[in-house]
Amino acid sequence: MKAERSVDPREVRLRERLQAIRARSEKSNSWRSSTQYLSRLINKSGFVPIRTRLSREDLTFIAGARDEVITFAELGIRLLDLHRPQDAGGITSDPDSPIRRCRACMWRWPCPTFRAIDEAIER
C-alpha cells in the first residue's frame, strides 16, 4: 500500500498565493516596450502626463505589484541568507579551492536552491 503524502495547509496556501500572483502577472500587459518612449516624456515636475487605456487585469496587477515585488525580494534575501556556502572540512587535493557545502541543506555548493534563485534572477 502506497503511503499518502500529508498535506501541509501552509504549503497549500503559499502555492495558491504564488499561482494567483503568476496568473495576475500573465494576464496583465507588459509596459517594458512603452517605458523607453515614456521616459522621454518626463516633465519638469518629474511626471509623464499620459492618457492610456488599462484593462481590469492591468489594474489588478498594478494594485498589488509593488507589495508583491517587495515580498519576493525579501523572500529571495532570506533564502540567500539560509543557503550560503561553508567549508565542508575534510581533506582536499586543492587547498586553494576547498570543497564547500550549503550550510542549510548540506548539498555541494552551489546547492539546488541557490542555483534556482540565480537562474530565476538572471533571466
N, C-alpha and C. Protein backbone atom coordinates (compact mmCIF):
# COMPACT_ATOMS: atom_id res chain seq x y z
N MET A 1 0.85 -1.18 0.00
CA MET A 1 0.00 0.00 0.00
C MET A 1 0.89 1.24 0.00
N LYS A 2 0.59 2.16 -0.86
CA LYS A 2 1.39 3.37 -1.03
C LYS A 2 1.05 4.38 0.08
N ALA A 3 2.10 4.91 0.71
CA ALA A 3 1.89 5.90 1.77
C ALA A 3 1.48 7.23 1.13
N GLU A 4 0.44 7.84 1.68
CA GLU A 4 0.00 9.13 1.16
C GLU A 4 0.81 10.25 1.79
N ARG A 5 1.13 11.22 0.99
CA ARG A 5 1.87 12.38 1.47
C ARG A 5 0.91 13.28 2.25
N SER A 6 1.31 13.63 3.45
CA SER A 6 0.46 14.52 4.23
C SER A 6 0.54 15.93 3.64
N VAL A 7 -0.59 16.60 3.61
CA VAL A 7 -0.67 17.92 3.00
C VAL A 7 -0.58 18.97 4.11
N ASP A 8 0.41 19.83 3.97
CA ASP A 8 0.59 20.93 4.92
C ASP A 8 -0.27 22.09 4.43
N PRO A 9 -1.22 22.55 5.23
CA PRO A 9 -2.08 23.65 4.79
C PRO A 9 -1.31 24.93 4.49
N ARG A 10 -0.16 25.13 5.14
CA ARG A 10 0.66 26.30 4.83
C ARG A 10 1.23 26.21 3.43
N GLU A 11 1.65 25.00 3.03
CA GLU A 11 2.18 24.82 1.68
C GLU A 11 1.08 25.07 0.64
N VAL A 12 -0.12 24.56 0.92
CA VAL A 12 -1.24 24.76 0.00
C VAL A 12 -1.54 26.25 -0.14
N ARG A 13 -1.57 26.97 0.98
CA ARG A 13 -1.85 28.41 0.96
C ARG A 13 -0.79 29.17 0.18
N LEU A 14 0.48 28.86 0.44
CA LEU A 14 1.56 29.54 -0.27
C LEU A 14 1.54 29.23 -1.76
N ARG A 15 1.32 27.96 -2.10
CA ARG A 15 1.27 27.57 -3.51
C ARG A 15 0.13 28.30 -4.22
N GLU A 16 -1.04 28.37 -3.58
CA GLU A 16 -2.18 29.06 -4.18
C GLU A 16 -1.89 30.55 -4.36
N ARG A 17 -1.24 31.16 -3.37
CA ARG A 17 -0.90 32.59 -3.49
C ARG A 17 0.07 32.84 -4.63
N LEU A 18 1.10 31.99 -4.71
CA LEU A 18 2.08 32.15 -5.79
C LEU A 18 1.45 31.92 -7.16
N GLN A 19 0.57 30.95 -7.26
CA GLN A 19 -0.11 30.70 -8.53
C GLN A 19 -1.03 31.87 -8.90
N ALA A 20 -1.68 32.48 -7.92
CA ALA A 20 -2.54 33.64 -8.18
C ALA A 20 -1.72 34.83 -8.66
N ILE A 21 -0.56 35.04 -8.04
CA ILE A 21 0.32 36.14 -8.47
C ILE A 21 0.78 35.90 -9.90
N ARG A 22 1.18 34.66 -10.20
CA ARG A 22 1.61 34.35 -11.56
C ARG A 22 0.49 34.56 -12.56
N ALA A 23 -0.71 34.12 -12.22
CA ALA A 23 -1.85 34.27 -13.13
C ALA A 23 -2.16 35.75 -13.38
N ARG A 24 -2.18 36.57 -12.32
CA ARG A 24 -2.41 38.02 -12.49
C ARG A 24 -1.34 38.65 -13.36
N SER A 25 -0.10 38.25 -13.12
CA SER A 25 1.01 38.81 -13.88
C SER A 25 0.91 38.44 -15.36
N GLU A 26 0.56 37.20 -15.64
CA GLU A 26 0.47 36.75 -17.03
C GLU A 26 -0.69 37.41 -17.77
N LYS A 27 -1.76 37.76 -17.07
CA LYS A 27 -2.92 38.38 -17.71
C LYS A 27 -2.70 39.86 -17.99
N SER A 28 -1.82 40.51 -17.24
CA SER A 28 -1.59 41.95 -17.44
C SER A 28 -0.65 42.17 -18.62
N ASN A 29 -0.66 43.38 -19.14
CA ASN A 29 0.20 43.75 -20.26
C ASN A 29 1.56 44.22 -19.76
N SER A 30 2.59 43.91 -20.52
CA SER A 30 3.93 44.38 -20.19
C SER A 30 4.08 45.82 -20.68
N TRP A 31 4.68 46.65 -19.84
CA TRP A 31 4.94 48.04 -20.20
C TRP A 31 6.39 48.23 -20.61
N ARG A 32 7.15 47.15 -20.72
CA ARG A 32 8.59 47.23 -21.00
C ARG A 32 8.89 48.04 -22.26
N SER A 33 8.21 47.76 -23.36
CA SER A 33 8.50 48.49 -24.60
C SER A 33 8.04 49.95 -24.53
N SER A 34 7.00 50.22 -23.76
CA SER A 34 6.48 51.58 -23.65
C SER A 34 7.35 52.47 -22.77
N THR A 35 8.08 51.89 -21.85
CA THR A 35 8.84 52.71 -20.89
C THR A 35 9.95 53.51 -21.55
N GLN A 36 10.55 52.99 -22.62
CA GLN A 36 11.60 53.76 -23.31
C GLN A 36 11.02 55.03 -23.90
N TYR A 37 9.88 54.92 -24.54
CA TYR A 37 9.22 56.08 -25.12
C TYR A 37 8.74 57.02 -24.01
N LEU A 38 8.08 56.46 -23.01
CA LEU A 38 7.50 57.29 -21.94
C LEU A 38 8.57 58.03 -21.13
N SER A 39 9.74 57.44 -20.96
CA SER A 39 10.79 58.10 -20.17
C SER A 39 11.25 59.40 -20.82
N ARG A 40 11.08 59.54 -22.13
CA ARG A 40 11.45 60.78 -22.81
C ARG A 40 10.40 61.87 -22.60
N LEU A 41 9.24 61.51 -22.06
CA LEU A 41 8.16 62.47 -21.86
C LEU A 41 8.10 63.04 -20.44
N ILE A 42 9.07 62.72 -19.61
CA ILE A 42 9.06 63.21 -18.23
C ILE A 42 9.17 64.73 -18.23
N ASN A 43 8.22 65.38 -17.54
CA ASN A 43 8.21 66.85 -17.49
C ASN A 43 9.10 67.38 -16.37
N LYS A 44 9.11 68.69 -16.19
CA LYS A 44 9.97 69.33 -15.19
C LYS A 44 9.63 68.90 -13.77
N SER A 45 8.39 68.49 -13.56
CA SER A 45 7.97 68.03 -12.23
C SER A 45 8.32 66.57 -11.98
N GLY A 46 8.85 65.90 -13.01
CA GLY A 46 9.24 64.51 -12.85
C GLY A 46 8.14 63.51 -13.16
N PHE A 47 7.10 63.95 -13.85
CA PHE A 47 5.98 63.09 -14.18
C PHE A 47 5.82 62.97 -15.68
N VAL A 48 5.13 61.93 -16.10
CA VAL A 48 4.80 61.73 -17.51
C VAL A 48 3.30 61.92 -17.66
N PRO A 49 2.88 63.02 -18.27
CA PRO A 49 1.45 63.25 -18.45
C PRO A 49 0.94 62.42 -19.65
N ILE A 50 0.30 61.31 -19.36
CA ILE A 50 -0.20 60.45 -20.44
C ILE A 50 -1.65 60.07 -20.20
N ARG A 51 -2.27 59.66 -21.28
CA ARG A 51 -3.59 59.06 -21.20
C ARG A 51 -3.44 57.66 -21.75
N THR A 52 -4.02 56.73 -21.07
CA THR A 52 -3.89 55.34 -21.53
C THR A 52 -5.15 54.56 -21.18
N ARG A 53 -5.29 53.44 -21.80
CA ARG A 53 -6.39 52.53 -21.51
C ARG A 53 -5.83 51.33 -20.79
N LEU A 54 -6.32 51.11 -19.60
CA LEU A 54 -5.88 49.97 -18.80
C LEU A 54 -7.03 48.97 -18.68
N SER A 55 -6.69 47.70 -18.81
CA SER A 55 -7.69 46.66 -18.63
C SER A 55 -7.89 46.39 -17.14
N ARG A 56 -8.93 45.68 -16.82
CA ARG A 56 -9.19 45.29 -15.43
C ARG A 56 -8.01 44.48 -14.90
N GLU A 57 -7.44 43.59 -15.74
CA GLU A 57 -6.31 42.77 -15.34
C GLU A 57 -5.08 43.63 -15.05
N ASP A 58 -4.88 44.67 -15.88
CA ASP A 58 -3.76 45.58 -15.64
C ASP A 58 -3.89 46.27 -14.28
N LEU A 59 -5.08 46.77 -14.00
CA LEU A 59 -5.30 47.47 -12.73
C LEU A 59 -5.14 46.54 -11.53
N THR A 60 -5.64 45.32 -11.66
CA THR A 60 -5.50 44.33 -10.58
C THR A 60 -4.03 44.05 -10.33
N PHE A 61 -3.27 43.88 -11.41
CA PHE A 61 -1.84 43.61 -11.27
C PHE A 61 -1.12 44.80 -10.65
N ILE A 62 -1.36 45.99 -11.17
CA ILE A 62 -0.68 47.19 -10.68
C ILE A 62 -0.99 47.44 -9.21
N ALA A 63 -2.21 47.16 -8.81
CA ALA A 63 -2.62 47.42 -7.42
C ALA A 63 -1.76 46.66 -6.42
N GLY A 64 -1.35 45.44 -6.74
CA GLY A 64 -0.59 44.66 -5.77
C GLY A 64 0.87 44.45 -6.14
N ALA A 65 1.29 44.93 -7.30
CA ALA A 65 2.63 44.62 -7.80
C ALA A 65 3.74 45.09 -6.86
N ARG A 66 3.67 46.30 -6.36
CA ARG A 66 4.74 46.82 -5.51
C ARG A 66 4.93 45.96 -4.28
N ASP A 67 3.84 45.68 -3.57
CA ASP A 67 3.94 44.87 -2.35
C ASP A 67 4.42 43.46 -2.65
N GLU A 68 3.96 42.89 -3.77
CA GLU A 68 4.37 41.53 -4.13
C GLU A 68 5.85 41.48 -4.50
N VAL A 69 6.34 42.48 -5.20
CA VAL A 69 7.77 42.52 -5.55
C VAL A 69 8.61 42.66 -4.30
N ILE A 70 8.20 43.50 -3.37
CA ILE A 70 8.92 43.65 -2.10
C ILE A 70 8.95 42.32 -1.35
N THR A 71 7.80 41.64 -1.30
CA THR A 71 7.72 40.35 -0.63
C THR A 71 8.64 39.33 -1.27
N PHE A 72 8.66 39.27 -2.61
CA PHE A 72 9.54 38.33 -3.30
C PHE A 72 11.01 38.67 -3.08
N ALA A 73 11.34 39.94 -3.05
CA ALA A 73 12.73 40.33 -2.80
C ALA A 73 13.15 39.91 -1.39
N GLU A 74 12.27 40.13 -0.42
CA GLU A 74 12.56 39.70 0.96
C GLU A 74 12.72 38.19 1.03
N LEU A 75 11.87 37.46 0.33
CA LEU A 75 11.97 36.00 0.30
C LEU A 75 13.32 35.58 -0.29
N GLY A 76 13.70 36.19 -1.40
CA GLY A 76 14.98 35.85 -2.01
C GLY A 76 16.15 36.12 -1.09
N ILE A 77 16.12 37.25 -0.41
CA ILE A 77 17.20 37.59 0.53
C ILE A 77 17.25 36.60 1.68
N ARG A 78 16.09 36.24 2.22
CA ARG A 78 16.06 35.26 3.32
C ARG A 78 16.58 33.90 2.87
N LEU A 79 16.21 33.48 1.65
CA LEU A 79 16.72 32.21 1.13
C LEU A 79 18.23 32.26 0.93
N LEU A 80 18.73 33.39 0.43
CA LEU A 80 20.18 33.53 0.26
C LEU A 80 20.90 33.53 1.60
N ASP A 81 20.27 34.12 2.63
CA ASP A 81 20.86 34.10 3.97
C ASP A 81 20.95 32.67 4.51
N LEU A 82 19.95 31.87 4.19
CA LEU A 82 19.94 30.47 4.65
C LEU A 82 20.88 29.59 3.83
N HIS A 83 20.85 29.76 2.53
CA HIS A 83 21.61 28.89 1.63
C HIS A 83 22.89 29.60 1.19
N ARG A 84 23.91 29.50 2.05
CA ARG A 84 25.21 30.08 1.75
C ARG A 84 26.26 28.99 1.90
N PRO A 85 27.39 29.22 1.27
CA PRO A 85 28.43 28.19 1.34
C PRO A 85 29.17 28.21 2.67
N GLN A 86 29.66 27.04 3.01
CA GLN A 86 30.56 26.92 4.15
C GLN A 86 31.59 25.86 3.80
N ASP A 87 32.72 25.93 4.43
CA ASP A 87 33.77 24.95 4.19
C ASP A 87 33.27 23.60 4.67
N ALA A 88 33.39 22.60 3.82
CA ALA A 88 32.89 21.27 4.16
C ALA A 88 33.86 20.51 5.05
N GLY A 89 35.05 21.06 5.21
CA GLY A 89 36.05 20.37 6.01
C GLY A 89 36.61 19.17 5.25
N GLY A 90 37.37 18.39 5.89
CA GLY A 90 37.93 17.21 5.25
C GLY A 90 39.17 17.52 4.43
N ILE A 91 39.66 16.50 3.79
CA ILE A 91 40.89 16.61 3.02
C ILE A 91 40.53 16.87 1.56
N THR A 92 41.28 17.78 0.94
CA THR A 92 41.06 18.09 -0.46
C THR A 92 42.39 18.09 -1.19
N SER A 93 42.35 17.76 -2.47
CA SER A 93 43.58 17.75 -3.25
C SER A 93 44.00 19.15 -3.68
N ASP A 94 43.09 20.12 -3.56
CA ASP A 94 43.39 21.50 -3.94
C ASP A 94 43.11 22.42 -2.76
N PRO A 95 44.12 22.72 -1.94
CA PRO A 95 43.89 23.55 -0.75
C PRO A 95 43.42 24.97 -1.06
N ASP A 96 43.70 25.46 -2.29
CA ASP A 96 43.24 26.80 -2.67
C ASP A 96 41.76 26.82 -3.05
N SER A 97 41.19 25.65 -3.27
CA SER A 97 39.78 25.55 -3.65
C SER A 97 39.12 24.42 -2.86
N PRO A 98 38.88 24.65 -1.56
CA PRO A 98 38.32 23.57 -0.73
C PRO A 98 36.87 23.24 -1.13
N ILE A 99 36.45 22.05 -0.80
CA ILE A 99 35.07 21.64 -1.05
C ILE A 99 34.17 22.44 -0.12
N ARG A 100 33.09 22.98 -0.70
CA ARG A 100 32.15 23.75 0.09
C ARG A 100 30.77 23.11 -0.02
N ARG A 101 30.01 23.27 1.04
CA ARG A 101 28.63 22.77 1.09
C ARG A 101 27.72 23.90 1.57
N CYS A 102 26.44 23.76 1.22
CA CYS A 102 25.45 24.74 1.68
C CYS A 102 25.23 24.53 3.18
N ARG A 103 25.22 25.60 3.91
CA ARG A 103 25.06 25.46 5.36
C ARG A 103 23.65 25.07 5.77
N ALA A 104 22.65 25.24 4.88
CA ALA A 104 21.27 24.89 5.23
C ALA A 104 20.92 23.46 4.82
N CYS A 105 21.23 23.10 3.57
CA CYS A 105 20.79 21.79 3.08
C CYS A 105 21.93 20.80 2.93
N MET A 106 23.16 21.26 3.08
CA MET A 106 24.37 20.45 3.03
C MET A 106 24.68 19.84 1.66
N TRP A 107 24.02 20.30 0.60
CA TRP A 107 24.38 19.88 -0.75
C TRP A 107 25.71 20.54 -1.08
N ARG A 108 26.41 19.97 -2.07
CA ARG A 108 27.63 20.63 -2.55
C ARG A 108 27.27 21.98 -3.11
N TRP A 109 28.17 22.94 -2.89
CA TRP A 109 27.92 24.32 -3.33
C TRP A 109 28.24 24.47 -4.80
N PRO A 110 27.44 25.18 -5.56
CA PRO A 110 26.17 25.82 -5.20
C PRO A 110 25.03 24.80 -5.12
N CYS A 111 24.22 24.93 -4.10
CA CYS A 111 23.12 23.99 -3.87
C CYS A 111 21.98 24.25 -4.86
N PRO A 112 21.05 23.30 -4.99
CA PRO A 112 19.92 23.49 -5.91
C PRO A 112 19.09 24.74 -5.63
N THR A 113 18.92 25.10 -4.36
CA THR A 113 18.14 26.29 -4.02
C THR A 113 18.84 27.54 -4.53
N PHE A 114 20.14 27.64 -4.29
CA PHE A 114 20.89 28.81 -4.76
C PHE A 114 20.86 28.87 -6.28
N ARG A 115 21.04 27.73 -6.95
CA ARG A 115 21.03 27.72 -8.42
C ARG A 115 19.67 28.14 -8.95
N ALA A 116 18.58 27.70 -8.31
CA ALA A 116 17.24 28.08 -8.76
C ALA A 116 17.03 29.59 -8.62
N ILE A 117 17.47 30.17 -7.52
CA ILE A 117 17.34 31.62 -7.33
C ILE A 117 18.18 32.34 -8.37
N ASP A 118 19.40 31.90 -8.56
CA ASP A 118 20.31 32.52 -9.52
C ASP A 118 19.72 32.48 -10.94
N GLU A 119 19.20 31.33 -11.34
CA GLU A 119 18.61 31.20 -12.67
C GLU A 119 17.39 32.10 -12.85
N ALA A 120 16.56 32.18 -11.82
CA ALA A 120 15.34 33.00 -11.90
C ALA A 120 15.69 34.49 -11.99
N ILE A 121 16.68 34.92 -11.25
CA ILE A 121 17.05 36.34 -11.23
C ILE A 121 17.79 36.73 -12.51
N GLU A 122 18.57 35.82 -13.07
CA GLU A 122 19.37 36.13 -14.25
C GLU A 122 18.59 36.10 -15.56
N ARG A 123 17.33 35.71 -15.54
CA ARG A 123 16.53 35.66 -16.78
C ARG A 123 16.35 37.02 -17.36
